[in-house]
């Protein structure tokens, strides 16, 4: 997943069995597509759910174009 979403740190916590993705605000730009806010943290119960969340954010930020 780290290779698929560069710029995001992917974390799996063993104690809670949750998945997290974080990135610095500067990596995301100043304005995001989600009501003007930049998404810098995501979480999910499974790796696949986190991947879906990351795809949604990436697609919204790039307008469906591959990220550079």
PDB file of N, CA and C in Angstrom:
ATOM      1  N   UNK A   1       0.829  -1.186   0.000  1.00  0.00           N
ATOM      2  CA  UNK A   1       0.000   0.000   0.000  1.00  0.00           C
ATOM      3  C   UNK A   1       0.880   1.259   0.000  1.00  0.00           C
ATOM      4  N   UNK A   2       2.032   1.184   0.659  1.00  0.00           N
ATOM      5  CA  UNK A   2       2.943   2.339   0.688  1.00  0.00           C
ATOM      6  C   UNK A   2       3.415   2.704  -0.708  1.00  0.00           C
ATOM      7  N   UNK A   3       3.643   1.698  -1.547  1.00  0.00           N
ATOM      8  CA  UNK A   3       4.062   1.962  -2.925  1.00  0.00           C
ATOM      9  C   UNK A   3       2.926   2.558  -3.758  1.00  0.00           C
ATOM     10  N   UNK A   4       1.725   2.108  -3.496  1.00  0.00           N
ATOM     11  CA  UNK A   4       0.560   2.587  -4.245  1.00  0.00           C
ATOM     12  C   UNK A   4       0.189   4.027  -3.886  1.00  0.00           C
ATOM     13  N   UNK A   5       0.470   4.443  -2.647  1.00  0.00           N
ATOM     14  CA  UNK A   5       0.103   5.774  -2.178  1.00  0.00           C
ATOM     15  C   UNK A   5       1.321   6.473  -1.574  1.00  0.00           C
ATOM     16  N   UNK A   6       2.271   6.881  -2.425  1.00  0.00           N
ATOM     17  CA  UNK A   6       3.453   7.571  -1.899  1.00  0.00           C
ATOM     18  C   UNK A   6       3.053   8.879  -1.223  1.00  0.00           C
ATOM     19  N   UNK A   7       3.773   9.239  -0.207  1.00  0.00           N
ATOM     20  CA  UNK A   7       3.440  10.446   0.535  1.00  0.00           C
ATOM     21  C   UNK A   7       2.590  10.172   1.756  1.00  0.00           C
ATOM     22  N   UNK A   8       2.011   8.985   1.821  1.00  0.00           N
ATOM     23  CA  UNK A   8       1.214   8.580   2.971  1.00  0.00           C
ATOM     24  C   UNK A   8       2.025   7.592   3.801  1.00  0.00           C
ATOM     25  N   UNK A   9       1.974   7.711   5.101  1.00  0.00           N
ATOM     26  CA  UNK A   9       2.533   6.718   6.011  1.00  0.00           C
ATOM     27  C   UNK A   9       1.412   5.755   6.372  1.00  0.00           C
ATOM     28  N   UNK A  10       1.659   4.471   6.198  1.00  0.00           N
ATOM     29  CA  UNK A  10       0.659   3.456   6.484  1.00  0.00           C
ATOM     30  C   UNK A  10       1.043   2.752   7.783  1.00  0.00           C
ATOM     31  N   UNK A  11       0.081   2.644   8.687  1.00  0.00           N
ATOM     32  CA  UNK A  11       0.336   2.079  10.008  1.00  0.00           C
ATOM     33  C   UNK A  11      -0.745   1.051  10.323  1.00  0.00           C
ATOM     34  N   UNK A  12      -0.332  -0.098  10.820  1.00  0.00           N
ATOM     35  CA  UNK A  12      -1.276  -1.092  11.333  1.00  0.00           C
ATOM     36  C   UNK A  12      -0.946  -1.290  12.801  1.00  0.00           C
ATOM     37  N   UNK A  13      -1.903  -1.035  13.661  1.00  0.00           N
ATOM     38  CA  UNK A  13      -1.671  -1.180  15.093  1.00  0.00           C
ATOM     39  C   UNK A  13      -2.166  -2.548  15.553  1.00  0.00           C
ATOM     40  N   UNK A  14      -1.275  -3.300  16.141  1.00  0.00           N
ATOM     41  CA  UNK A  14      -1.612  -4.651  16.579  1.00  0.00           C
ATOM     42  C   UNK A  14      -2.585  -4.651  17.756  1.00  0.00           C
ATOM     43  N   UNK A  15      -2.452  -3.683  18.646  1.00  0.00           N
ATOM     44  CA  UNK A  15      -3.310  -3.679  19.835  1.00  0.00           C
ATOM     45  C   UNK A  15      -4.774  -3.395  19.513  1.00  0.00           C
ATOM     46  N   UNK A  16      -5.035  -2.565  18.494  1.00  0.00           N
ATOM     47  CA  UNK A  16      -6.421  -2.253  18.126  1.00  0.00           C
ATOM     48  C   UNK A  16      -6.842  -2.928  16.821  1.00  0.00           C
ATOM     49  N   UNK A  17      -5.863  -3.494  16.107  1.00  0.00           N
ATOM     50  CA  UNK A  17      -6.103  -4.133  14.802  1.00  0.00           C
ATOM     51  C   UNK A  17      -6.701  -3.148  13.799  1.00  0.00           C
ATOM     52  N   UNK A  18      -6.358  -1.862  13.922  1.00  0.00           N
ATOM     53  CA  UNK A  18      -6.855  -0.842  12.993  1.00  0.00           C
ATOM     54  C   UNK A  18      -5.741  -0.419  12.053  1.00  0.00           C
ATOM     55  N   UNK A  19      -6.133   0.124  10.924  1.00  0.00           N
ATOM     56  CA  UNK A  19      -5.216   0.618   9.907  1.00  0.00           C
ATOM     57  C   UNK A  19      -5.330   2.133   9.846  1.00  0.00           C
ATOM     58  N   UNK A  20      -4.186   2.811   9.668  1.00  0.00           N
ATOM     59  CA  UNK A  20      -4.132   4.265   9.610  1.00  0.00           C
ATOM     60  C   UNK A  20      -3.275   4.708   8.427  1.00  0.00           C
ATOM     61  N   UNK A  21      -3.597   5.852   7.897  1.00  0.00           N
ATOM     62  CA  UNK A  21      -2.764   6.503   6.884  1.00  0.00           C
ATOM     63  C   UNK A  21      -2.657   7.966   7.295  1.00  0.00           C
ATOM     64  N   UNK A  22      -1.434   8.468   7.344  1.00  0.00           N
ATOM     65  CA  UNK A  22      -1.215   9.867   7.701  1.00  0.00           C
ATOM     66  C   UNK A  22      -0.250  10.497   6.711  1.00  0.00           C
ATOM     67  N   UNK A  23      -0.329  11.820   6.585  1.00  0.00           N
ATOM     68  CA  UNK A  23       0.629  12.567   5.768  1.00  0.00           C
ATOM     69  C   UNK A  23       0.709  13.983   6.294  1.00  0.00           C
ATOM     70  N   UNK A  24       1.843  14.639   6.083  1.00  0.00           N
ATOM     71  CA  UNK A  24       1.967  16.029   6.501  1.00  0.00           C
ATOM     72  C   UNK A  24       1.031  16.916   5.680  1.00  0.00           C
ATOM     73  N   UNK A  25       0.544  17.971   6.276  1.00  0.00           N
ATOM     74  CA  UNK A  25      -0.349  18.897   5.576  1.00  0.00           C
ATOM     75  C   UNK A  25       0.291  19.437   4.312  1.00  0.00           C
ATOM     76  N   UNK A  26       1.575  19.763   4.352  1.00  0.00           N
ATOM     77  CA  UNK A  26       2.265  20.314   3.189  1.00  0.00           C
ATOM     78  C   UNK A  26       2.250  19.394   1.986  1.00  0.00           C
ATOM     79  N   UNK A  27       2.231  18.078   2.210  1.00  0.00           N
ATOM     80  CA  UNK A  27       2.182  17.109   1.115  1.00  0.00           C
ATOM     81  C   UNK A  27       0.858  17.185   0.378  1.00  0.00           C
ATOM     82  N   UNK A  28      -0.184  17.569   1.075  1.00  0.00           N
ATOM     83  CA  UNK A  28      -1.523  17.548   0.499  1.00  0.00           C
ATOM     84  C   UNK A  28      -1.882  18.852  -0.196  1.00  0.00           C
ATOM     85  N   UNK A  29      -1.080  19.875  -0.036  1.00  0.00           N
ATOM     86  CA  UNK A  29      -1.439  21.172  -0.588  1.00  0.00           C
ATOM     87  C   UNK A  29      -2.215  21.978   0.436  1.00  0.00           C
ATOM     88  N   UNK A  30      -2.638  23.156   0.050  1.00  0.00           N
ATOM     89  CA  UNK A  30      -3.299  24.043   1.006  1.00  0.00           C
ATOM     90  C   UNK A  30      -4.815  23.905   1.012  1.00  0.00           C
ATOM     91  N   UNK A  31      -5.384  23.495  -0.103  1.00  0.00           N
ATOM     92  CA  UNK A  31      -6.842  23.390  -0.192  1.00  0.00           C
ATOM     93  C   UNK A  31      -7.212  22.022  -0.725  1.00  0.00           C
ATOM     94  N   UNK A  32      -8.129  21.398  -0.077  1.00  0.00           N
ATOM     95  CA  UNK A  32      -8.551  20.073  -0.507  1.00  0.00           C
ATOM     96  C   UNK A  32      -9.933  20.104  -1.123  1.00  0.00           C
ATOM     97  N   UNK A  33     -10.320  19.015  -1.749  1.00  0.00           N
ATOM     98  CA  UNK A  33     -11.612  18.939  -2.405  1.00  0.00           C
ATOM     99  C   UNK A  33     -12.769  18.659  -1.453  1.00  0.00           C
ATOM    100  N   UNK A  34     -12.484  18.386  -0.195  1.00  0.00           N
ATOM    101  CA  UNK A  34     -13.526  18.016   0.762  1.00  0.00           C
ATOM    102  C   UNK A  34     -13.949  19.224   1.581  1.00  0.00           C
ATOM    103  N   UNK A  35     -14.708  20.097   0.959  1.00  0.00           N
ATOM    104  CA  UNK A  35     -15.175  21.291   1.650  1.00  0.00           C
ATOM    105  C   UNK A  35     -14.026  22.233   2.005  1.00  0.00           C
ATOM    106  N   UNK A  36     -12.960  22.182   1.219  1.00  0.00           N
ATOM    107  CA  UNK A  36     -11.821  23.065   1.447  1.00  0.00           C
ATOM    108  C   UNK A  36     -10.802  22.522   2.430  1.00  0.00           C
ATOM    109  N   UNK A  37     -11.145  21.457   3.129  1.00  0.00           N
ATOM    110  CA  UNK A  37     -10.183  20.919   4.097  1.00  0.00           C
ATOM    111  C   UNK A  37      -9.291  19.881   3.431  1.00  0.00           C
ATOM    112  N   UNK A  38      -8.069  19.821   3.882  1.00  0.00           N
ATOM    113  CA  UNK A  38      -7.107  18.862   3.378  1.00  0.00           C
ATOM    114  C   UNK A  38      -7.146  17.624   4.265  1.00  0.00           C
ATOM    115  N   UNK A  39      -7.264  16.476   3.667  1.00  0.00           N
ATOM    116  CA  UNK A  39      -7.294  15.230   4.417  1.00  0.00           C
ATOM    117  C   UNK A  39      -5.859  14.806   4.706  1.00  0.00           C
ATOM    118  N   UNK A  40      -5.518  14.677   5.984  1.00  0.00           N
ATOM    119  CA  UNK A  40      -4.178  14.289   6.377  1.00  0.00           C
ATOM    120  C   UNK A  40      -4.152  13.001   7.188  1.00  0.00           C
ATOM    121  N   UNK A  41      -5.316  12.484   7.555  1.00  0.00           N
ATOM    122  CA  UNK A  41      -5.372  11.256   8.346  1.00  0.00           C
ATOM    123  C   UNK A  41      -6.620  10.464   7.989  1.00  0.00           C
ATOM    124  N   UNK A  42      -6.439   9.171   7.795  1.00  0.00           N
ATOM    125  CA  UNK A  42      -7.537   8.259   7.521  1.00  0.00           C
ATOM    126  C   UNK A  42      -7.376   7.035   8.408  1.00  0.00           C
ATOM    127  N   UNK A  43      -8.467   6.353   8.702  1.00  0.00           N
ATOM    128  CA  UNK A  43      -8.374   5.098   9.440  1.00  0.00           C
ATOM    129  C   UNK A  43      -9.464   4.156   8.957  1.00  0.00           C
ATOM    130  N   UNK A  44      -9.240   2.862   9.200  1.00  0.00           N
ATOM    131  CA  UNK A  44     -10.197   1.852   8.766  1.00  0.00           C
ATOM    132  C   UNK A  44      -9.977   0.576   9.564  1.00  0.00           C
ATOM    133  N   UNK A  45     -10.968  -0.306   9.500  1.00  0.00           N
ATOM    134  CA  UNK A  45     -10.886  -1.589  10.199  1.00  0.00           C
ATOM    135  C   UNK A  45     -10.027  -2.605   9.457  1.00  0.00           C
ATOM    136  N   UNK A  46      -9.948  -2.460   8.121  1.00  0.00           N
ATOM    137  CA  UNK A  46      -9.194  -3.429   7.319  1.00  0.00           C
ATOM    138  C   UNK A  46      -8.271  -2.704   6.350  1.00  0.00           C
ATOM    139  N   UNK A  47      -7.290  -3.441   5.854  1.00  0.00           N
ATOM    140  CA  UNK A  47      -6.376  -2.871   4.865  1.00  0.00           C
ATOM    141  C   UNK A  47      -7.135  -2.469   3.602  1.00  0.00           C
ATOM    142  N   UNK A  48      -8.059  -3.297   3.163  1.00  0.00           N
ATOM    143  CA  UNK A  48      -8.812  -2.984   1.948  1.00  0.00           C
ATOM    144  C   UNK A  48      -9.688  -1.748   2.135  1.00  0.00           C
ATOM    145  N   UNK A  49     -10.291  -1.590   3.287  1.00  0.00           N
ATOM    146  CA  UNK A  49     -11.100  -0.394   3.543  1.00  0.00           C
ATOM    147  C   UNK A  49     -10.221   0.852   3.544  1.00  0.00           C
ATOM    148  N   UNK A  50      -9.026   0.755   4.104  1.00  0.00           N
ATOM    149  CA  UNK A  50      -8.110   1.899   4.081  1.00  0.00           C
ATOM    150  C   UNK A  50      -7.701   2.214   2.651  1.00  0.00           C
ATOM    151  N   UNK A  51      -7.416   1.193   1.865  1.00  0.00           N
ATOM    152  CA  UNK A  51      -7.063   1.392   0.453  1.00  0.00           C
ATOM    153  C   UNK A  51      -8.197   2.118  -0.280  1.00  0.00           C
ATOM    154  N   UNK A  52      -9.429   1.728  -0.037  1.00  0.00           N
ATOM    155  CA  UNK A  52     -10.580   2.396  -0.668  1.00  0.00           C
ATOM    156  C   UNK A  52     -10.654   3.862  -0.247  1.00  0.00           C
ATOM    157  N   UNK A  53     -10.429   4.144   1.031  1.00  0.00           N
ATOM    158  CA  UNK A  53     -10.438   5.526   1.515  1.00  0.00           C
ATOM    159  C   UNK A  53      -9.330   6.344   0.847  1.00  0.00           C
ATOM    160  N   UNK A  54      -8.149   5.762   0.744  1.00  0.00           N
ATOM    161  CA  UNK A  54      -7.027   6.456   0.108  1.00  0.00           C
ATOM    162  C   UNK A  54      -7.315   6.717  -1.373  1.00  0.00           C
ATOM    163  N   UNK A  55      -7.911   5.756  -2.052  1.00  0.00           N
ATOM    164  CA  UNK A  55      -8.271   5.954  -3.465  1.00  0.00           C
ATOM    165  C   UNK A  55      -9.279   7.089  -3.616  1.00  0.00           C
ATOM    166  N   UNK A  56     -10.252   7.142  -2.726  1.00  0.00           N
ATOM    167  CA  UNK A  56     -11.259   8.205  -2.782  1.00  0.00           C
ATOM    168  C   UNK A  56     -10.606   9.583  -2.634  1.00  0.00           C
ATOM    169  N   UNK A  57      -9.719   9.721  -1.664  1.00  0.00           N
ATOM    170  CA  UNK A  57      -9.038  10.997  -1.443  1.00  0.00           C
ATOM    171  C   UNK A  57      -8.144  11.333  -2.634  1.00  0.00           C
ATOM    172  N   UNK A  58      -7.377  10.365  -3.091  1.00  0.00           N
ATOM    173  CA  UNK A  58      -6.469  10.592  -4.220  1.00  0.00           C
ATOM    174  C   UNK A  58      -7.240  10.981  -5.469  1.00  0.00           C
ATOM    175  N   UNK A  59      -8.312  10.262  -5.773  1.00  0.00           N
ATOM    176  CA  UNK A  59      -9.132  10.585  -6.948  1.00  0.00           C
ATOM    177  C   UNK A  59      -9.727  11.983  -6.848  1.00  0.00           C
ATOM    178  N   UNK A  60     -10.209  12.348  -5.674  1.00  0.00           N
ATOM    179  CA  UNK A  60     -10.802  13.681  -5.494  1.00  0.00           C
ATOM    180  C   UNK A  60      -9.747  14.774  -5.662  1.00  0.00           C
ATOM    181  N   UNK A  61      -8.555  14.537  -5.156  1.00  0.00           N
ATOM    182  CA  UNK A  61      -7.504  15.549  -5.244  1.00  0.00           C
ATOM    183  C   UNK A  61      -6.933  15.696  -6.643  1.00  0.00           C
ATOM    184  N   UNK A  62      -6.926  14.619  -7.404  1.00  0.00           N
ATOM    185  CA  UNK A  62      -6.345  14.664  -8.742  1.00  0.00           C
ATOM    186  C   UNK A  62      -7.394  14.732  -9.836  1.00  0.00           C
ATOM    187  N   UNK A  63      -8.655  14.767  -9.457  1.00  0.00           N
ATOM    188  CA  UNK A  63      -9.716  14.787 -10.457  1.00  0.00           C
ATOM    189  C   UNK A  63      -9.766  13.496 -11.257  1.00  0.00           C
ATOM    190  N   UNK A  64      -9.338  12.391 -10.632  1.00  0.00           N
ATOM    191  CA  UNK A  64      -9.337  11.103 -11.297  1.00  0.00           C
ATOM    192  C   UNK A  64      -8.090  10.832 -12.115  1.00  0.00           C
ATOM    193  N   UNK A  65      -7.170  11.816 -12.162  1.00  0.00           N
ATOM    194  CA  UNK A  65      -5.918  11.626 -12.892  1.00  0.00           C
ATOM    195  C   UNK A  65      -4.910  10.929 -11.971  1.00  0.00           C
ATOM    196  N   UNK A  66      -3.981  10.183 -12.550  1.00  0.00           N
ATOM    197  CA  UNK A  66      -2.937   9.584 -11.703  1.00  0.00           C
ATOM    198  C   UNK A  66      -2.163  10.655 -10.950  1.00  0.00           C
ATOM    199  N   UNK A  67      -1.848  10.392  -9.691  1.00  0.00           N
ATOM    200  CA  UNK A  67      -1.077  11.350  -8.880  1.00  0.00           C
ATOM    201  C   UNK A  67       0.330  11.460  -9.415  1.00  0.00           C
ATOM    202  N   UNK A  68       0.916  12.646  -9.306  1.00  0.00           N
ATOM    203  CA  UNK A  68       2.297  12.869  -9.755  1.00  0.00           C
ATOM    204  C   UNK A  68       3.256  12.682  -8.635  1.00  0.00           C
TER     205      UNK A  68
END
